[in-house]
Amino acid sequence: MSEAQSLPAGFENLAPFAAIWGKLGSQEERYLQRQRSTMAELHAFYDATAPRLNEIFDHLDAFPMDGLPEPEALLYRTALGLTEAAMAIEVFNQPCVPYAPFPHAMAIRWNEIR
């Protein structure tokens, strides 16, 4: 990971996961990444990141969400990836949604939900 893409101090052990999950900018990209990942990869990400969520959130709370410095933005995007990994680990016990074709996409349109 280049210096421009480095994580904040203290979170360096998450760099291998940030190189994958931190570069994804949308929920759809994270959703598709989960489908492409193996359970071993998802477990490694989950096991390294989930226990540190409070620490991650405490760190990010020191910054305005609309102006995160790049290291913090990378950490934030990496933490967002955990939502997808957690679905595979805690709910599906597999990377994909059961009984759904692989790969498939899902779009959440907030303005259409009422």
C-alpha atoms as a PDB file:
ATOM      1  CA  MET A   1       0.000   0.000   0.000  1.00  0.00           C
ATOM      2  CA  SER A   2       1.461   3.368  -0.935  1.00  0.00           C
ATOM      3  CA  GLU A   3       1.862   6.197   1.533  1.00  0.00           C
ATOM      4  CA  ALA A   4      -1.139   7.976  -0.036  1.00  0.00           C
ATOM      5  CA  GLN A   5      -3.218   4.880   0.740  1.00  0.00           C
ATOM      6  CA  SER A   6      -1.941   4.184   4.247  1.00  0.00           C
ATOM      7  CA  LEU A   7      -4.170   3.599   7.236  1.00  0.00           C
ATOM      8  CA  PRO A   8      -3.992   5.724  10.383  1.00  0.00           C
ATOM      9  CA  ALA A   9      -1.355   4.788  12.944  1.00  0.00           C
ATOM     10  CA  GLY A  10      -2.377   1.797  15.000  1.00  0.00           C
ATOM     11  CA  PHE A  11      -4.429   0.194  12.253  1.00  0.00           C
ATOM     12  CA  GLU A  12      -1.572  -1.059  10.069  1.00  0.00           C
ATOM     13  CA  ASN A  13      -2.528  -4.706  10.628  1.00  0.00           C
ATOM     14  CA  LEU A  14      -5.692  -4.050   8.596  1.00  0.00           C
ATOM     15  CA  ALA A  15      -3.677  -3.013   5.524  1.00  0.00           C
ATOM     16  CA  PRO A  16      -4.172  -6.314   3.622  1.00  0.00           C
ATOM     17  CA  PHE A  17      -7.931  -5.906   3.993  1.00  0.00           C
ATOM     18  CA  ALA A  18      -7.868  -2.185   3.199  1.00  0.00           C
ATOM     19  CA  ALA A  19      -6.093  -3.028  -0.060  1.00  0.00           C
ATOM     20  CA  ILE A  20      -9.221  -4.948  -1.077  1.00  0.00           C
ATOM     21  CA  TRP A  21     -12.213  -3.575   0.822  1.00  0.00           C
ATOM     22  CA  GLY A  22     -10.978  -0.009   1.310  1.00  0.00           C
ATOM     23  CA  LYS A  23     -10.798   0.693  -2.404  1.00  0.00           C
ATOM     24  CA  LEU A  24     -14.489  -0.113  -2.906  1.00  0.00           C
ATOM     25  CA  GLY A  25     -16.644   2.985  -3.065  1.00  0.00           C
ATOM     26  CA  SER A  26     -20.181   1.631  -3.135  1.00  0.00           C
ATOM     27  CA  GLN A  27     -22.363  -0.890  -1.371  1.00  0.00           C
ATOM     28  CA  GLU A  28     -22.821  -2.754  -4.659  1.00  0.00           C
ATOM     29  CA  GLU A  29     -19.049  -3.120  -5.086  1.00  0.00           C
ATOM     30  CA  ARG A  30     -18.752  -4.476  -1.531  1.00  0.00           C
ATOM     31  CA  TYR A  31     -21.666  -6.856  -2.160  1.00  0.00           C
ATOM     32  CA  LEU A  32     -19.983  -8.238  -5.291  1.00  0.00           C
ATOM     33  CA  GLN A  33     -16.617  -8.478  -3.504  1.00  0.00           C
ATOM     34  CA  ARG A  34     -18.212 -10.672  -0.847  1.00  0.00           C
ATOM     35  CA  GLN A  35     -19.515 -12.989  -3.580  1.00  0.00           C
ATOM     36  CA  ARG A  36     -16.032 -13.226  -5.151  1.00  0.00           C
ATOM     37  CA  SER A  37     -14.317 -13.929  -1.818  1.00  0.00           C
ATOM     38  CA  THR A  38     -13.674 -17.298  -0.245  1.00  0.00           C
ATOM     39  CA  MET A  39     -14.925 -18.086   3.238  1.00  0.00           C
ATOM     40  CA  ALA A  40     -11.296 -18.245   4.403  1.00  0.00           C
ATOM     41  CA  GLU A  41     -10.715 -14.698   3.118  1.00  0.00           C
ATOM     42  CA  LEU A  42     -13.937 -13.455   4.683  1.00  0.00           C
ATOM     43  CA  HIS A  43     -13.122 -15.113   8.028  1.00  0.00           C
ATOM     44  CA  ALA A  44      -9.645 -13.555   8.051  1.00  0.00           C
ATOM     45  CA  PHE A  45     -11.117 -10.097   7.374  1.00  0.00           C
ATOM     46  CA  TYR A  46     -13.908 -10.559   9.917  1.00  0.00           C
ATOM     47  CA  ASP A  47     -11.612 -11.940  12.624  1.00  0.00           C
ATOM     48  CA  ALA A  48      -9.137  -9.075  12.229  1.00  0.00           C
ATOM     49  CA  THR A  49     -11.652  -6.239  11.929  1.00  0.00           C
ATOM     50  CA  ALA A  50     -14.770  -7.048  13.965  1.00  0.00           C
ATOM     51  CA  PRO A  51     -13.029  -7.006  17.368  1.00  0.00           C
ATOM     52  CA  ARG A  52     -11.662  -3.540  16.559  1.00  0.00           C
ATOM     53  CA  LEU A  53     -14.916  -1.862  15.497  1.00  0.00           C
ATOM     54  CA  ASN A  54     -15.264   0.191  18.682  1.00  0.00           C
ATOM     55  CA  GLU A  55     -11.662   1.331  18.332  1.00  0.00           C
ATOM     56  CA  ILE A  56     -12.234   2.173  14.654  1.00  0.00           C
ATOM     57  CA  PHE A  57     -15.405   4.146  15.428  1.00  0.00           C
ATOM     58  CA  ASP A  58     -13.754   5.955  18.342  1.00  0.00           C
ATOM     59  CA  HIS A  59     -10.920   6.994  16.023  1.00  0.00           C
ATOM     60  CA  LEU A  60     -13.241   8.103  13.215  1.00  0.00           C
ATOM     61  CA  ASP A  61     -15.481  10.056  15.606  1.00  0.00           C
ATOM     62  CA  ALA A  62     -12.644  12.579  15.994  1.00  0.00           C
ATOM     63  CA  PHE A  63     -13.147  13.699  12.366  1.00  0.00           C
ATOM     64  CA  PRO A  64     -16.044  15.239  10.443  1.00  0.00           C
ATOM     65  CA  MET A  65     -17.643  12.590   8.207  1.00  0.00           C
ATOM     66  CA  ASP A  66     -17.819  14.972   5.265  1.00  0.00           C
ATOM     67  CA  GLY A  67     -14.097  15.741   5.494  1.00  0.00           C
ATOM     68  CA  LEU A  68     -12.222  12.591   6.469  1.00  0.00           C
ATOM     69  CA  PRO A  69      -8.491  12.688   5.742  1.00  0.00           C
ATOM     70  CA  GLU A  70      -7.555   9.947   3.269  1.00  0.00           C
ATOM     71  CA  PRO A  71      -6.133   7.512   5.873  1.00  0.00           C
ATOM     72  CA  GLU A  72      -9.363   7.770   7.861  1.00  0.00           C
ATOM     73  CA  ALA A  73     -11.497   7.511   4.708  1.00  0.00           C
ATOM     74  CA  LEU A  74      -9.632   4.310   3.833  1.00  0.00           C
ATOM     75  CA  LEU A  75     -10.262   2.959   7.328  1.00  0.00           C
ATOM     76  CA  TYR A  76     -13.950   3.907   7.049  1.00  0.00           C
ATOM     77  CA  ARG A  77     -14.377   2.168   3.673  1.00  0.00           C
ATOM     78  CA  THR A  78     -12.611  -0.902   5.074  1.00  0.00           C
ATOM     79  CA  ALA A  79     -14.995  -0.984   8.042  1.00  0.00           C
ATOM     80  CA  LEU A  80     -17.958  -0.694   5.671  1.00  0.00           C
ATOM     81  CA  GLY A  81     -16.728  -3.866   3.982  1.00  0.00           C
ATOM     82  CA  LEU A  82     -17.171  -5.667   7.262  1.00  0.00           C
ATOM     83  CA  THR A  83     -20.958  -5.382   6.875  1.00  0.00           C
ATOM     84  CA  GLU A  84     -20.738  -7.698   3.879  1.00  0.00           C
ATOM     85  CA  ALA A  85     -18.260 -10.096   5.464  1.00  0.00           C
ATOM     86  CA  ALA A  86     -20.464 -10.309   8.549  1.00  0.00           C
ATOM     87  CA  MET A  87     -23.446 -11.380   6.445  1.00  0.00           C
ATOM     88  CA  ALA A  88     -21.421 -14.276   5.045  1.00  0.00           C
ATOM     89  CA  ILE A  89     -20.022 -15.292   8.441  1.00  0.00           C
ATOM     90  CA  GLU A  90     -22.984 -14.667  10.736  1.00  0.00           C
ATOM     91  CA  VAL A  91     -25.977 -15.308   8.472  1.00  0.00           C
ATOM     92  CA  PHE A  92     -25.315 -17.239   5.256  1.00  0.00           C
ATOM     93  CA  ASN A  93     -22.253 -19.341   6.162  1.00  0.00           C
ATOM     94  CA  GLN A  94     -21.176 -18.811   2.571  1.00  0.00           C
ATOM     95  CA  PRO A  95     -20.123 -15.817   0.455  1.00  0.00           C
ATOM     96  CA  CYS A  96     -23.287 -15.733  -1.655  1.00  0.00           C
ATOM     97  CA  VAL A  97     -26.939 -15.417  -0.819  1.00  0.00           C
ATOM     98  CA  PRO A  98     -28.344 -18.953  -0.653  1.00  0.00           C
ATOM     99  CA  TYR A  99     -30.364 -20.007  -3.720  1.00  0.00           C
ATOM    100  CA  ALA A 100     -29.386 -16.890  -5.655  1.00  0.00           C
ATOM    101  CA  PRO A 101     -27.435 -17.071  -8.933  1.00  0.00           C
ATOM    102  CA  PHE A 102     -23.760 -16.135  -8.815  1.00  0.00           C
ATOM    103  CA  PRO A 103     -22.835 -13.387  -9.352  1.00  0.00           C
ATOM    104  CA  HIS A 104     -25.803 -11.147  -8.924  1.00  0.00           C
ATOM    105  CA  ALA A 105     -26.188  -7.497  -8.002  1.00  0.00           C
ATOM    106  CA  MET A 106     -28.471  -5.653  -5.669  1.00  0.00           C
ATOM    107  CA  ALA A 107     -29.283  -1.971  -5.644  1.00  0.00           C
ATOM    108  CA  ILE A 108     -30.690  -0.072  -2.694  1.00  0.00           C
ATOM    109  CA  ARG A 109     -32.528   3.037  -3.757  1.00  0.00           C
ATOM    110  CA  TRP A 110     -33.305   5.043  -0.639  1.00  0.00           C
ATOM    111  CA  ASN A 111     -35.462   7.590  -2.441  1.00  0.00           C
ATOM    112  CA  GLU A 112     -37.811   4.782  -3.569  1.00  0.00           C
ATOM    113  CA  ILE A 113     -38.351   3.387  -0.066  1.00  0.00           C
ATOM    114  CA  ARG A 114     -41.384   4.897   1.613  1.00  0.00           C
END
